[in-house]
PDB file of N, CA and C in Angstrom:
ATOM      1  N   UNK A   1      29.973  10.129-135.566  1.00  0.00           N
ATOM      2  CA  UNK A   1      30.012   8.866-134.850  1.00  0.00           C
ATOM      3  C   UNK A   1      30.427   7.724-135.777  1.00  0.00           C
ATOM      4  N   UNK A   2      30.161   7.864-137.063  1.00  0.00           N
ATOM      5  CA  UNK A   2      30.588   6.833-138.010  1.00  0.00           C
ATOM      6  C   UNK A   2      32.095   6.665-138.000  1.00  0.00           C
ATOM      7  N   UNK A   3      32.814   7.767-137.801  1.00  0.00           N
ATOM      8  CA  UNK A   3      34.277   7.684-137.728  1.00  0.00           C
ATOM      9  C   UNK A   3      34.716   6.824-136.551  1.00  0.00           C
ATOM     10  N   UNK A   4      34.017   6.942-135.443  1.00  0.00           N
ATOM     11  CA  UNK A   4      34.349   6.123-134.274  1.00  0.00           C
ATOM     12  C   UNK A   4      34.138   4.647-134.593  1.00  0.00           C
ATOM     13  N   UNK A   5      33.018   4.311-135.208  1.00  0.00           N
ATOM     14  CA  UNK A   5      32.753   2.905-135.539  1.00  0.00           C
ATOM     15  C   UNK A   5      33.752   2.390-136.572  1.00  0.00           C
ATOM     16  N   UNK A   6      34.165   3.219-137.519  1.00  0.00           N
ATOM     17  CA  UNK A   6      35.189   2.807-138.476  1.00  0.00           C
ATOM     18  C   UNK A   6      36.507   2.528-137.752  1.00  0.00           C
ATOM     19  N   UNK A   7      36.837   3.356-136.768  1.00  0.00           N
ATOM     20  CA  UNK A   7      38.025   3.145-135.951  1.00  0.00           C
ATOM     21  C   UNK A   7      37.948   1.793-135.240  1.00  0.00           C
ATOM     22  N   UNK A   8      36.797   1.495-134.664  1.00  0.00           N
ATOM     23  CA  UNK A   8      36.619   0.233-133.947  1.00  0.00           C
ATOM     24  C   UNK A   8      36.686  -0.945-134.921  1.00  0.00           C
ATOM     25  N   UNK A   9      36.039  -0.838-136.059  1.00  0.00           N
ATOM     26  CA  UNK A   9      36.078  -1.900-137.064  1.00  0.00           C
ATOM     27  C   UNK A   9      37.509  -2.167-137.532  1.00  0.00           C
ATOM     28  N   UNK A  10      38.317  -1.131-137.630  1.00  0.00           N
ATOM     29  CA  UNK A  10      39.703  -1.275-138.082  1.00  0.00           C
ATOM     30  C   UNK A  10      40.551  -2.050-137.077  1.00  0.00           C
ATOM     31  N   UNK A  11      40.100  -2.126-135.843  1.00  0.00           N
ATOM     32  CA  UNK A  11      40.832  -2.885-134.827  1.00  0.00           C
ATOM     33  C   UNK A  11      40.747  -4.386-135.071  1.00  0.00           C
ATOM     34  N   UNK A  12      39.827  -4.789-135.939  1.00  0.00           N
ATOM     35  CA  UNK A  12      39.676  -6.204-136.249  1.00  0.00           C
ATOM     36  C   UNK A  12      38.715  -6.892-135.301  1.00  0.00           C
ATOM     37  N   UNK A  13      38.428  -8.169-135.572  1.00  0.00           N
ATOM     38  CA  UNK A  13      37.411  -8.888-134.799  1.00  0.00           C
ATOM     39  C   UNK A  13      37.760  -9.039-133.323  1.00  0.00           C
ATOM     40  N   UNK A  14      39.020  -9.055-132.987  1.00  0.00           N
ATOM     41  CA  UNK A  14      39.414  -9.199-131.584  1.00  0.00           C
ATOM     42  C   UNK A  14      39.769  -7.863-130.940  1.00  0.00           C
ATOM     43  N   UNK A  15      39.629  -6.789-131.711  1.00  0.00           N
ATOM     44  CA  UNK A  15      39.980  -5.472-131.193  1.00  0.00           C
ATOM     45  C   UNK A  15      39.101  -5.068-130.027  1.00  0.00           C
ATOM     46  N   UNK A  16      39.695  -4.495-129.048  1.00  0.00           N
ATOM     47  CA  UNK A  16      38.976  -4.038-127.861  1.00  0.00           C
ATOM     48  C   UNK A  16      39.067  -2.530-127.773  1.00  0.00           C
ATOM     49  N   UNK A  17      38.006  -1.915-127.310  1.00  0.00           N
ATOM     50  CA  UNK A  17      38.005  -0.483-127.068  1.00  0.00           C
ATOM     51  C   UNK A  17      38.526  -0.270-125.656  1.00  0.00           C
ATOM     52  N   UNK A  18      39.541   0.539-125.540  1.00  0.00           N
ATOM     53  CA  UNK A  18      40.107   0.830-124.227  1.00  0.00           C
ATOM     54  C   UNK A  18      39.517   2.137-123.697  1.00  0.00           C
ATOM     55  N   UNK A  19      39.759   2.390-122.431  1.00  0.00           N
ATOM     56  CA  UNK A  19      39.322   3.653-121.857  1.00  0.00           C
ATOM     57  C   UNK A  19      40.063   4.811-122.514  1.00  0.00           C
ATOM     58  N   UNK A  20      41.322   4.594-122.889  1.00  0.00           N
ATOM     59  CA  UNK A  20      42.062   5.628-123.607  1.00  0.00           C
ATOM     60  C   UNK A  20      41.404   5.947-124.950  1.00  0.00           C
ATOM     61  N   UNK A  21      40.896   4.910-125.643  1.00  0.00           N
ATOM     62  CA  UNK A  21      40.181   5.132-126.905  1.00  0.00           C
ATOM     63  C   UNK A  21      38.954   5.997-126.674  1.00  0.00           C
ATOM     64  N   UNK A  22      38.209   5.701-125.619  1.00  0.00           N
ATOM     65  CA  UNK A  22      36.998   6.473-125.329  1.00  0.00           C
ATOM     66  C   UNK A  22      37.360   7.926-125.041  1.00  0.00           C
ATOM     67  N   UNK A  23      38.392   8.143-124.245  1.00  0.00           N
ATOM     68  CA  UNK A  23      38.807   9.517-123.936  1.00  0.00           C
ATOM     69  C   UNK A  23      39.225  10.231-125.217  1.00  0.00           C
ATOM     70  N   UNK A  24      39.918   9.506-126.096  1.00  0.00           N
ATOM     71  CA  UNK A  24      40.345  10.104-127.373  1.00  0.00           C
ATOM     72  C   UNK A  24      39.146  10.582-128.180  1.00  0.00           C
ATOM     73  N   UNK A  25      38.082   9.763-128.236  1.00  0.00           N
ATOM     74  CA  UNK A  25      36.924  10.094-129.056  1.00  0.00           C
ATOM     75  C   UNK A  25      35.894  10.941-128.331  1.00  0.00           C
ATOM     76  N   UNK A  26      35.745  10.725-127.029  1.00  0.00           N
ATOM     77  CA  UNK A  26      34.687  11.406-126.271  1.00  0.00           C
ATOM     78  C   UNK A  26      35.190  12.609-125.488  1.00  0.00           C
ATOM     79  N   UNK A  27      36.488  12.676-125.266  1.00  0.00           N
ATOM     80  CA  UNK A  27      37.040  13.772-124.482  1.00  0.00           C
ATOM     81  C   UNK A  27      37.120  13.464-122.996  1.00  0.00           C
ATOM     82  N   UNK A  28      36.242  12.573-122.519  1.00  0.00           N
ATOM     83  CA  UNK A  28      36.223  12.204-121.099  1.00  0.00           C
ATOM     84  C   UNK A  28      35.395  10.941-120.935  1.00  0.00           C
ATOM     85  N   UNK A  29      35.667  10.201-119.872  1.00  0.00           N
ATOM     86  CA  UNK A  29      34.927   8.962-119.623  1.00  0.00           C
ATOM     87  C   UNK A  29      33.484   9.224-119.193  1.00  0.00           C
ATOM     88  N   UNK A  30      33.171  10.426-118.765  1.00  0.00           N
ATOM     89  CA  UNK A  30      31.801  10.707-118.327  1.00  0.00           C
ATOM     90  C   UNK A  30      31.024  11.535-119.353  1.00  0.00           C
ATOM     91  N   UNK A  31      31.382  11.407-120.630  1.00  0.00           N
ATOM     92  CA  UNK A  31      30.667  12.106-121.694  1.00  0.00           C
ATOM     93  C   UNK A  31      29.471  11.260-122.131  1.00  0.00           C
ATOM     94  N   UNK A  32      28.364  11.409-121.431  1.00  0.00           N
ATOM     95  CA  UNK A  32      27.179  10.593-121.690  1.00  0.00           C
ATOM     96  C   UNK A  32      26.639  10.819-123.092  1.00  0.00           C
ATOM     97  N   UNK A  33      26.800  12.016-123.639  1.00  0.00           N
ATOM     98  CA  UNK A  33      26.319  12.288-124.988  1.00  0.00           C
ATOM     99  C   UNK A  33      27.034  11.384-126.004  1.00  0.00           C
ATOM    100  N   UNK A  34      28.332  11.188-125.811  1.00  0.00           N
ATOM    101  CA  UNK A  34      29.101  10.302-126.692  1.00  0.00           C
ATOM    102  C   UNK A  34      28.555   8.884-126.634  1.00  0.00           C
ATOM    103  N   UNK A  35      28.369   8.365-125.429  1.00  0.00           N
ATOM    104  CA  UNK A  35      27.863   6.987-125.286  1.00  0.00           C
ATOM    105  C   UNK A  35      26.483   6.831-125.919  1.00  0.00           C
ATOM    106  N   UNK A  36      25.618   7.800-125.695  1.00  0.00           N
ATOM    107  CA  UNK A  36      24.269   7.726-126.262  1.00  0.00           C
ATOM    108  C   UNK A  36      24.313   7.753-127.785  1.00  0.00           C
ATOM    109  N   UNK A  37      25.108   8.656-128.348  1.00  0.00           N
ATOM    110  CA  UNK A  37      25.206   8.746-129.804  1.00  0.00           C
ATOM    111  C   UNK A  37      25.797   7.464-130.394  1.00  0.00           C
ATOM    112  N   UNK A  38      26.839   6.922-129.748  1.00  0.00           N
ATOM    113  CA  UNK A  38      27.454   5.678-130.229  1.00  0.00           C
ATOM    114  C   UNK A  38      26.451   4.532-130.163  1.00  0.00           C
ATOM    115  N   UNK A  39      25.737   4.422-129.070  1.00  0.00           N
ATOM    116  CA  UNK A  39      24.770   3.326-128.902  1.00  0.00           C
ATOM    117  C   UNK A  39      23.648   3.402-129.918  1.00  0.00           C
ATOM    118  N   UNK A  40      23.147   4.588-130.184  1.00  0.00           N
ATOM    119  CA  UNK A  40      22.067   4.744-131.159  1.00  0.00           C
ATOM    120  C   UNK A  40      22.559   4.358-132.550  1.00  0.00           C
ATOM    121  N   UNK A  41      23.760   4.784-132.914  1.00  0.00           N
ATOM    122  CA  UNK A  41      24.282   4.419-134.230  1.00  0.00           C
ATOM    123  C   UNK A  41      24.506   2.910-134.323  1.00  0.00           C
ATOM    124  N   UNK A  42      25.034   2.316-133.269  1.00  0.00           N
ATOM    125  CA  UNK A  42      25.229   0.862-133.253  1.00  0.00           C
ATOM    126  C   UNK A  42      23.893   0.146-133.409  1.00  0.00           C
ATOM    127  N   UNK A  43      22.901   0.583-132.677  1.00  0.00           N
ATOM    128  CA  UNK A  43      21.573  -0.045-132.758  1.00  0.00           C
ATOM    129  C   UNK A  43      20.997   0.067-134.164  1.00  0.00           C
ATOM    130  N   UNK A  44      21.081   1.246-134.745  1.00  0.00           N
ATOM    131  CA  UNK A  44      20.532   1.444-136.088  1.00  0.00           C
ATOM    132  C   UNK A  44      21.265   0.592-137.122  1.00  0.00           C
ATOM    133  N   UNK A  45      22.581   0.589-137.065  1.00  0.00           N
ATOM    134  CA  UNK A  45      23.355  -0.175-138.052  1.00  0.00           C
ATOM    135  C   UNK A  45      23.138  -1.674-137.868  1.00  0.00           C
ATOM    136  N   UNK A  46      23.014  -2.124-136.644  1.00  0.00           N
ATOM    137  CA  UNK A  46      22.714  -3.539-136.397  1.00  0.00           C
ATOM    138  C   UNK A  46      21.327  -3.875-136.959  1.00  0.00           C
ATOM    139  N   UNK A  47      20.367  -3.039-136.644  1.00  0.00           N
ATOM    140  CA  UNK A  47      18.990  -3.274-137.090  1.00  0.00           C
ATOM    141  C   UNK A  47      18.895  -3.361-138.622  1.00  0.00           C
ATOM    142  N   UNK A  48      19.710  -2.570-139.304  1.00  0.00           N
ATOM    143  CA  UNK A  48      19.681  -2.549-140.770  1.00  0.00           C
ATOM    144  C   UNK A  48      20.671  -3.529-141.392  1.00  0.00           C
ATOM    145  N   UNK A  49      21.296  -4.367-140.557  1.00  0.00           N
ATOM    146  CA  UNK A  49      22.162  -5.430-141.061  1.00  0.00           C
ATOM    147  C   UNK A  49      23.574  -5.012-141.424  1.00  0.00           C
ATOM    148  N   UNK A  50      23.977  -3.803-141.069  1.00  0.00           N
ATOM    149  CA  UNK A  50      25.317  -3.325-141.419  1.00  0.00           C
ATOM    150  C   UNK A  50      26.383  -3.798-140.425  1.00  0.00           C
ATOM    151  N   UNK A  51      25.972  -4.182-139.228  1.00  0.00           N
ATOM    152  CA  UNK A  51      26.896  -4.665-138.204  1.00  0.00           C
ATOM    153  C   UNK A  51      26.384  -5.984-137.644  1.00  0.00           C
ATOM    154  N   UNK A  52      27.298  -6.850-137.231  1.00  0.00           N
ATOM    155  CA  UNK A  52      26.915  -8.144-136.670  1.00  0.00           C
ATOM    156  C   UNK A  52      26.597  -8.020-135.186  1.00  0.00           C
ATOM    157  N   UNK A  53      25.861  -9.016-134.710  1.00  0.00           N
ATOM    158  CA  UNK A  53      25.577  -9.072-133.278  1.00  0.00           C
ATOM    159  C   UNK A  53      26.882  -9.131-132.480  1.00  0.00           C
ATOM    160  N   UNK A  54      27.784  -9.991-132.877  1.00  0.00           N
ATOM    161  CA  UNK A  54      29.037 -10.185-132.148  1.00  0.00           C
ATOM    162  C   UNK A  54      29.820  -8.882-132.027  1.00  0.00           C
ATOM    163  N   UNK A  55      29.928  -8.155-133.122  1.00  0.00           N
ATOM    164  CA  UNK A  55      30.636  -6.877-133.096  1.00  0.00           C
ATOM    165  C   UNK A  55      29.955  -5.911-132.144  1.00  0.00           C
ATOM    166  N   UNK A  56      28.642  -5.749-132.302  1.00  0.00           N
ATOM    167  CA  UNK A  56      27.891  -4.786-131.485  1.00  0.00           C
ATOM    168  C   UNK A  56      27.941  -5.148-130.009  1.00  0.00           C
ATOM    169  N   UNK A  57      27.782  -6.417-129.700  1.00  0.00           N
ATOM    170  CA  UNK A  57      27.835  -6.856-128.309  1.00  0.00           C
ATOM    171  C   UNK A  57      29.198  -6.545-127.709  1.00  0.00           C
ATOM    172  N   UNK A  58      30.258  -6.812-128.448  1.00  0.00           N
ATOM    173  CA  UNK A  58      31.606  -6.525-127.958  1.00  0.00           C
ATOM    174  C   UNK A  58      31.836  -5.042-127.727  1.00  0.00           C
ATOM    175  N   UNK A  59      31.402  -4.211-128.669  1.00  0.00           N
ATOM    176  CA  UNK A  59      31.564  -2.766-128.523  1.00  0.00           C
ATOM    177  C   UNK A  59      30.772  -2.266-127.324  1.00  0.00           C
ATOM    178  N   UNK A  60      29.537  -2.729-127.199  1.00  0.00           N
ATOM    179  CA  UNK A  60      28.717  -2.272-126.075  1.00  0.00           C
ATOM    180  C   UNK A  60      29.312  -2.712-124.737  1.00  0.00           C
ATOM    181  N   UNK A  61      29.876  -3.907-124.672  1.00  0.00           N
ATOM    182  CA  UNK A  61      30.531  -4.342-123.431  1.00  0.00           C
ATOM    183  C   UNK A  61      31.750  -3.479-123.120  1.00  0.00           C
ATOM    184  N   UNK A  62      32.541  -3.162-124.145  1.00  0.00           N
ATOM    185  CA  UNK A  62      33.705  -2.293-123.929  1.00  0.00           C
ATOM    186  C   UNK A  62      33.269  -0.905-123.478  1.00  0.00           C
ATOM    187  N   UNK A  63      32.241  -0.376-124.112  1.00  0.00           N
ATOM    188  CA  UNK A  63      31.749   0.946-123.724  1.00  0.00           C
ATOM    189  C   UNK A  63      31.155   0.927-122.321  1.00  0.00           C
ATOM    190  N   UNK A  64      30.517  -0.183-121.957  1.00  0.00           N
ATOM    191  CA  UNK A  64      29.949  -0.298-120.605  1.00  0.00           C
ATOM    192  C   UNK A  64      31.059  -0.179-119.551  1.00  0.00           C
ATOM    193  N   UNK A  65      32.202  -0.806-119.805  1.00  0.00           N
ATOM    194  CA  UNK A  65      33.323  -0.690-118.865  1.00  0.00           C
ATOM    195  C   UNK A  65      33.774   0.768-118.740  1.00  0.00           C
ATOM    196  N   UNK A  66      33.769   1.494-119.845  1.00  0.00           N
ATOM    197  CA  UNK A  66      34.154   2.902-119.806  1.00  0.00           C
ATOM    198  C   UNK A  66      33.104   3.733-119.064  1.00  0.00           C
ATOM    199  N   UNK A  67      31.821   3.421-119.281  1.00  0.00           N
ATOM    200  CA  UNK A  67      30.755   4.116-118.544  1.00  0.00           C
ATOM    201  C   UNK A  67      30.965   3.926-117.047  1.00  0.00           C
ATOM    202  N   UNK A  68      31.247   2.699-116.640  1.00  0.00           N
ATOM    203  CA  UNK A  68      31.464   2.440-115.213  1.00  0.00           C
ATOM    204  C   UNK A  68      32.637   3.246-114.678  1.00  0.00           C
ATOM    205  N   UNK A  69      33.685   3.380-115.456  1.00  0.00           N
ATOM    206  CA  UNK A  69      34.817   4.206-115.043  1.00  0.00           C
ATOM    207  C   UNK A  69      34.402   5.675-114.982  1.00  0.00           C
ATOM    208  N   UNK A  70      33.482   6.085-115.843  1.00  0.00           N
ATOM    209  CA  UNK A  70      32.989   7.463-115.840  1.00  0.00           C
ATOM    210  C   UNK A  70      32.196   7.811-114.606  1.00  0.00           C
ATOM    211  N   UNK A  71      31.639   6.805-113.947  1.00  0.00           N
ATOM    212  CA  UNK A  71      30.913   7.062-112.700  1.00  0.00           C
ATOM    213  C   UNK A  71      31.833   7.701-111.672  1.00  0.00           C
ATOM    214  N   UNK A  72      33.079   7.300-111.649  1.00  0.00           N
ATOM    215  CA  UNK A  72      34.015   7.850-110.663  1.00  0.00           C
ATOM    216  C   UNK A  72      34.362   9.296-110.972  1.00  0.00           C
ATOM    217  N   UNK A  73      34.026   9.745-112.172  1.00  0.00           N
ATOM    218  CA  UNK A  73      34.285  11.130-112.544  1.00  0.00           C
ATOM    219  C   UNK A  73      33.133  12.044-112.107  1.00  0.00           C
ATOM    220  N   UNK A  74      32.186  11.510-111.363  1.00  0.00           N
ATOM    221  CA  UNK A  74      31.128  12.340-110.819  1.00  0.00           C
ATOM    222  C   UNK A  74      29.749  12.125-111.409  1.00  0.00           C
ATOM    223  N   UNK A  75      29.616  11.298-112.425  1.00  0.00           N
ATOM    224  CA  UNK A  75      28.305  11.022-113.001  1.00  0.00           C
ATOM    225  C   UNK A  75      27.808   9.707-112.431  1.00  0.00           C
ATOM    226  N   UNK A  76      26.594   9.677-111.967  1.00  0.00           N
ATOM    227  CA  UNK A  76      26.061   8.454-111.382  1.00  0.00           C
ATOM    228  C   UNK A  76      24.881   7.885-112.155  1.00  0.00           C
ATOM    229  N   UNK A  77      24.059   8.715-112.761  1.00  0.00           N
ATOM    230  CA  UNK A  77      22.908   8.226-113.515  1.00  0.00           C
ATOM    231  C   UNK A  77      23.392   7.568-114.802  1.00  0.00           C
ATOM    232  N   UNK A  78      22.712   6.505-115.203  1.00  0.00           N
ATOM    233  CA  UNK A  78      23.084   5.808-116.432  1.00  0.00           C
ATOM    234  C   UNK A  78      22.694   6.629-117.658  1.00  0.00           C
ATOM    235  N   UNK A  79      23.557   6.635-118.669  1.00  0.00           N
ATOM    236  CA  UNK A  79      23.182   7.341-119.896  1.00  0.00           C
ATOM    237  C   UNK A  79      22.069   6.583-120.615  1.00  0.00           C
ATOM    238  N   UNK A  80      21.080   7.318-121.072  1.00  0.00           N
ATOM    239  CA  UNK A  80      19.973   6.742-121.838  1.00  0.00           C
ATOM    240  C   UNK A  80      19.914   7.439-123.182  1.00  0.00           C
ATOM    241  N   UNK A  81      19.800   6.718-124.267  1.00  0.00           N
ATOM    242  CA  UNK A  81      19.405   5.331-124.439  1.00  0.00           C
ATOM    243  C   UNK A  81      20.561   4.327-124.446  1.00  0.00           C
ATOM    244  N   UNK A  82      21.770   4.776-124.125  1.00  0.00           N
ATOM    245  CA  UNK A  82      22.900   3.847-124.108  1.00  0.00           C
ATOM    246  C   UNK A  82      22.570   2.568-123.350  1.00  0.00           C
ATOM    247  N   UNK A  83      22.042   2.718-122.141  1.00  0.00           N
ATOM    248  CA  UNK A  83      21.825   1.547-121.300  1.00  0.00           C
ATOM    249  C   UNK A  83      20.780   0.600-121.899  1.00  0.00           C
ATOM    250  N   UNK A  84      19.787   1.141-122.578  1.00  0.00           N
ATOM    251  CA  UNK A  84      18.778   0.307-123.234  1.00  0.00           C
ATOM    252  C   UNK A  84      19.444  -0.552-124.316  1.00  0.00           C
ATOM    253  N   UNK A  85      20.333   0.053-125.093  1.00  0.00           N
ATOM    254  CA  UNK A  85      21.033  -0.680-126.152  1.00  0.00           C
ATOM    255  C   UNK A  85      21.968  -1.716-125.533  1.00  0.00           C
ATOM    256  N   UNK A  86      22.689  -1.324-124.489  1.00  0.00           N
ATOM    257  CA  UNK A  86      23.573  -2.270-123.804  1.00  0.00           C
ATOM    258  C   UNK A  86      22.775  -3.489-123.309  1.00  0.00           C
ATOM    259  N   UNK A  87      21.663  -3.244-122.661  1.00  0.00           N
ATOM    260  CA  UNK A  87      20.827  -4.326-122.137  1.00  0.00           C
ATOM    261  C   UNK A  87      20.282  -5.212-123.257  1.00  0.00           C
ATOM    262  N   UNK A  88      19.947  -4.621-124.392  1.00  0.00           N
ATOM    263  CA  UNK A  88      19.425  -5.406-125.522  1.00  0.00           C
ATOM    264  C   UNK A  88      20.479  -6.388-126.031  1.00  0.00           C
ATOM    265  N   UNK A  89      21.713  -5.932-126.173  1.00  0.00           N
ATOM    266  CA  UNK A  89      22.765  -6.837-126.633  1.00  0.00           C
ATOM    267  C   UNK A  89      23.155  -7.828-125.538  1.00  0.00           C
ATOM    268  N   UNK A  90      23.132  -7.387-124.307  1.00  0.00           N
ATOM    269  CA  UNK A  90      23.422  -8.287-123.192  1.00  0.00           C
ATOM    270  C   UNK A  90      22.402  -9.423-123.137  1.00  0.00           C
ATOM    271  N   UNK A  91      21.156  -9.135-123.458  1.00  0.00           N
ATOM    272  CA  UNK A  91      20.094 -10.149-123.420  1.00  0.00           C
ATOM    273  C   UNK A  91      20.359 -11.286-124.396  1.00  0.00           C
ATOM    274  N   UNK A  92      21.096 -11.027-125.449  1.00  0.00           N
ATOM    275  CA  UNK A  92      21.388 -12.059-126.436  1.00  0.00           C
ATOM    276  C   UNK A  92      22.568 -12.942-126.090  1.00  0.00           C
ATOM    277  N   UNK A  93      23.211 -12.684-124.973  1.00  0.00           N
ATOM    278  CA  UNK A  93      24.449 -13.393-124.632  1.00  0.00           C
ATOM    279  C   UNK A  93      24.247 -14.795-124.079  1.00  0.00           C
ATOM    280  N   UNK A  94      23.077 -15.104-123.589  1.00  0.00           N
ATOM    281  CA  UNK A  94      22.919 -16.428-122.978  1.00  0.00           C
ATOM    282  C   UNK A  94      21.519 -16.990-123.224  1.00  0.00           C
ATOM    283  N   UNK A  95      21.493 -18.313-123.280  1.00  0.00           N
ATOM    284  CA  UNK A  95      20.237 -19.034-123.489  1.00  0.00           C
ATOM    285  C   UNK A  95      19.437 -19.090-122.198  1.00  0.00           C
ATOM    286  N   UNK A  96      18.145 -19.055-122.325  1.00  0.00           N
ATOM    287  CA  UNK A  96      17.249 -19.229-121.172  1.00  0.00           C
ATOM    288  C   UNK A  96      16.766 -20.669-121.086  1.00  0.00           C
ATOM    289  N   UNK A  97      16.635 -21.332-122.234  1.00  0.00           N
ATOM    290  CA  UNK A  97      16.218 -22.732-122.247  1.00  0.00           C
ATOM    291  C   UNK A  97      17.401 -23.599-121.817  1.00  0.00           C
ATOM    292  N   UNK A  98      17.163 -24.499-120.902  1.00  0.00           N
ATOM    293  CA  UNK A  98      18.237 -25.354-120.385  1.00  0.00           C
ATOM    294  C   UNK A  98      18.942 -26.137-121.480  1.00  0.00           C
ATOM    295  N   UNK A  99      18.201 -26.532-122.502  1.00  0.00           N
ATOM    296  CA  UNK A  99      18.813 -27.325-123.574  1.00  0.00           C
ATOM    297  C   UNK A  99      19.424 -26.454-124.669  1.00  0.00           C
ATOM    298  N   UNK A 100      19.366 -25.130-124.513  1.00  0.00           N
ATOM    299  CA  UNK A 100      19.956 -24.224-125.484  1.00  0.00           C
ATOM    300  C   UNK A 100      19.195 -24.130-126.793  1.00  0.00           C
ATOM    301  N   UNK A 101      17.947 -24.566-126.795  1.00  0.00           N
ATOM    302  CA  UNK A 101      17.173 -24.587-128.025  1.00  0.00           C
ATOM    303  C   UNK A 101      16.583 -23.224-128.397  1.00  0.00           C
ATOM    304  N   UNK A 102      16.658 -22.275-127.502  1.00  0.00           N
ATOM    305  CA  UNK A 102      16.134 -20.948-127.813  1.00  0.00           C
ATOM    306  C   UNK A 102      17.187 -20.134-128.567  1.00  0.00           C
ATOM    307  N   UNK A 103      16.777 -19.028-129.117  1.00  0.00           N
ATOM    308  CA  UNK A 103      17.673 -18.128-129.827  1.00  0.00           C
ATOM    309  C   UNK A 103      17.563 -16.756-129.170  1.00  0.00           C
ATOM    310  N   UNK A 104      18.410 -16.486-128.169  1.00  0.00           N
ATOM    311  CA  UNK A 104      18.254 -15.243-127.414  1.00  0.00           C
ATOM    312  C   UNK A 104      18.454 -13.985-128.256  1.00  0.00           C
ATOM    313  N   UNK A 105      19.239 -14.083-129.310  1.00  0.00           N
ATOM    314  CA  UNK A 105      19.423 -12.910-130.160  1.00  0.00           C
ATOM    315  C   UNK A 105      18.132 -12.599-130.908  1.00  0.00           C
ATOM    316  N   UNK A 106      17.576 -13.603-131.570  1.00  0.00           N
ATOM    317  CA  UNK A 106      16.328 -13.404-132.321  1.00  0.00           C
ATOM    318  C   UNK A 106      15.150 -13.144-131.393  1.00  0.00           C
ATOM    319  N   UNK A 107      15.128 -13.825-130.253  1.00  0.00           N
ATOM    320  CA  UNK A 107      13.991 -13.719-129.340  1.00  0.00           C
ATOM    321  C   UNK A 107      14.004 -12.443-128.510  1.00  0.00           C
ATOM    322  N   UNK A 108      15.185 -11.957-128.158  1.00  0.00           N
ATOM    323  CA  UNK A 108      15.272 -10.823-127.237  1.00  0.00           C
ATOM    324  C   UNK A 108      15.966  -9.603-127.834  1.00  0.00           C
ATOM    325  N   UNK A 109      17.195  -9.784-128.313  1.00  0.00           N
ATOM    326  CA  UNK A 109      17.951  -8.630-128.804  1.00  0.00           C
ATOM    327  C   UNK A 109      17.258  -7.964-129.984  1.00  0.00           C
ATOM    328  N   UNK A 110      16.944  -8.756-130.997  1.00  0.00           N
ATOM    329  CA  UNK A 110      16.373  -8.168-132.214  1.00  0.00           C
ATOM    330  C   UNK A 110      15.092  -7.373-131.960  1.00  0.00           C
ATOM    331  N   UNK A 111      14.133  -7.900-131.198  1.00  0.00           N
ATOM    332  CA  UNK A 111      12.916  -7.105-130.951  1.00  0.00           C
ATOM    333  C   UNK A 111      13.191  -5.839-130.121  1.00  0.00           C
ATOM    334  N   UNK A 112      14.086  -5.937-129.153  1.00  0.00           N
ATOM    335  CA  UNK A 112      14.406  -4.759-128.345  1.00  0.00           C
ATOM    336  C   UNK A 112      15.053  -3.668-129.190  1.00  0.00           C
ATOM    337  N   UNK A 113      15.982  -4.062-130.059  1.00  0.00           N
ATOM    338  CA  UNK A 113      16.638  -3.088-130.928  1.00  0.00           C
ATOM    339  C   UNK A 113      15.628  -2.519-131.935  1.00  0.00           C
ATOM    340  N   UNK A 114      14.781  -3.375-132.502  1.00  0.00           N
ATOM    341  CA  UNK A 114      13.772  -2.908-133.460  1.00  0.00           C
ATOM    342  C   UNK A 114      12.836  -1.885-132.807  1.00  0.00           C
ATOM    343  N   UNK A 115      12.442  -2.158-131.584  1.00  0.00           N
ATOM    344  CA  UNK A 115      11.565  -1.227-130.866  1.00  0.00           C
ATOM    345  C   UNK A 115      12.253   0.107-130.637  1.00  0.00           C
ATOM    346  N   UNK A 116      13.502   0.074-130.241  1.00  0.00           N
ATOM    347  CA  UNK A 116      14.249   1.317-130.000  1.00  0.00           C
ATOM    348  C   UNK A 116      14.412   2.116-131.295  1.00  0.00           C
ATOM    349  N   UNK A 117      14.800   1.430-132.370  1.00  0.00           N
ATOM    350  CA  UNK A 117      14.989   2.106-133.648  1.00  0.00           C
ATOM    351  C   UNK A 117      13.669   2.705-134.129  1.00  0.00           C
ATOM    352  N   UNK A 118      12.575   1.988-133.963  1.00  0.00           N
ATOM    353  CA  UNK A 118      11.263   2.504-134.361  1.00  0.00           C
ATOM    354  C   UNK A 118      10.922   3.758-133.553  1.00  0.00           C
ATOM    355  N   UNK A 119      11.246   3.718-132.284  1.00  0.00           N
ATOM    356  CA  UNK A 119      10.938   4.859-131.407  1.00  0.00           C
ATOM    357  C   UNK A 119      11.799   6.074-131.751  1.00  0.00           C
ATOM    358  N   UNK A 120      13.077   5.842-132.084  1.00  0.00           N
ATOM    359  CA  UNK A 120      14.002   6.942-132.366  1.00  0.00           C
ATOM    360  C   UNK A 120      13.945   7.400-133.812  1.00  0.00           C
ATOM    361  N   UNK A 121      13.450   6.547-134.680  1.00  0.00           N
ATOM    362  CA  UNK A 121      13.423   6.864-136.112  1.00  0.00           C
ATOM    363  C   UNK A 121      14.661   6.314-136.796  1.00  0.00           C
ATOM    364  N   UNK A 122      14.577   6.138-138.108  1.00  0.00           N
ATOM    365  CA  UNK A 122      15.673   5.502-138.858  1.00  0.00           C
ATOM    366  C   UNK A 122      16.898   6.338-138.772  1.00  0.00           C
TER     367      UNK A 122
END
């Protein structure tokens, strides 16, 4: 899975993961094992400071689009823990305080990712 993340990192900060990229690495859009393994590695590397929030959030959003396309291939249940990781990064995308004084990444994403990593092990 590290090779996949290196591939994504090589795309640069604006690089997007396409459905063709997912098929290349996963073999099919409905390969839930691929999504779960990618999400766990992203969560662990983010938790240990090796990846930025922005990078991880972007990758998870791109992978989420591929997961949705995979539903049409006959899979309907959400891959877990992929969806937990996706939701954790999604939670950091917007402020809850009207004045923007909160820090959704520190308040929501970081604890959710820390909990998942603790549960799954380093």
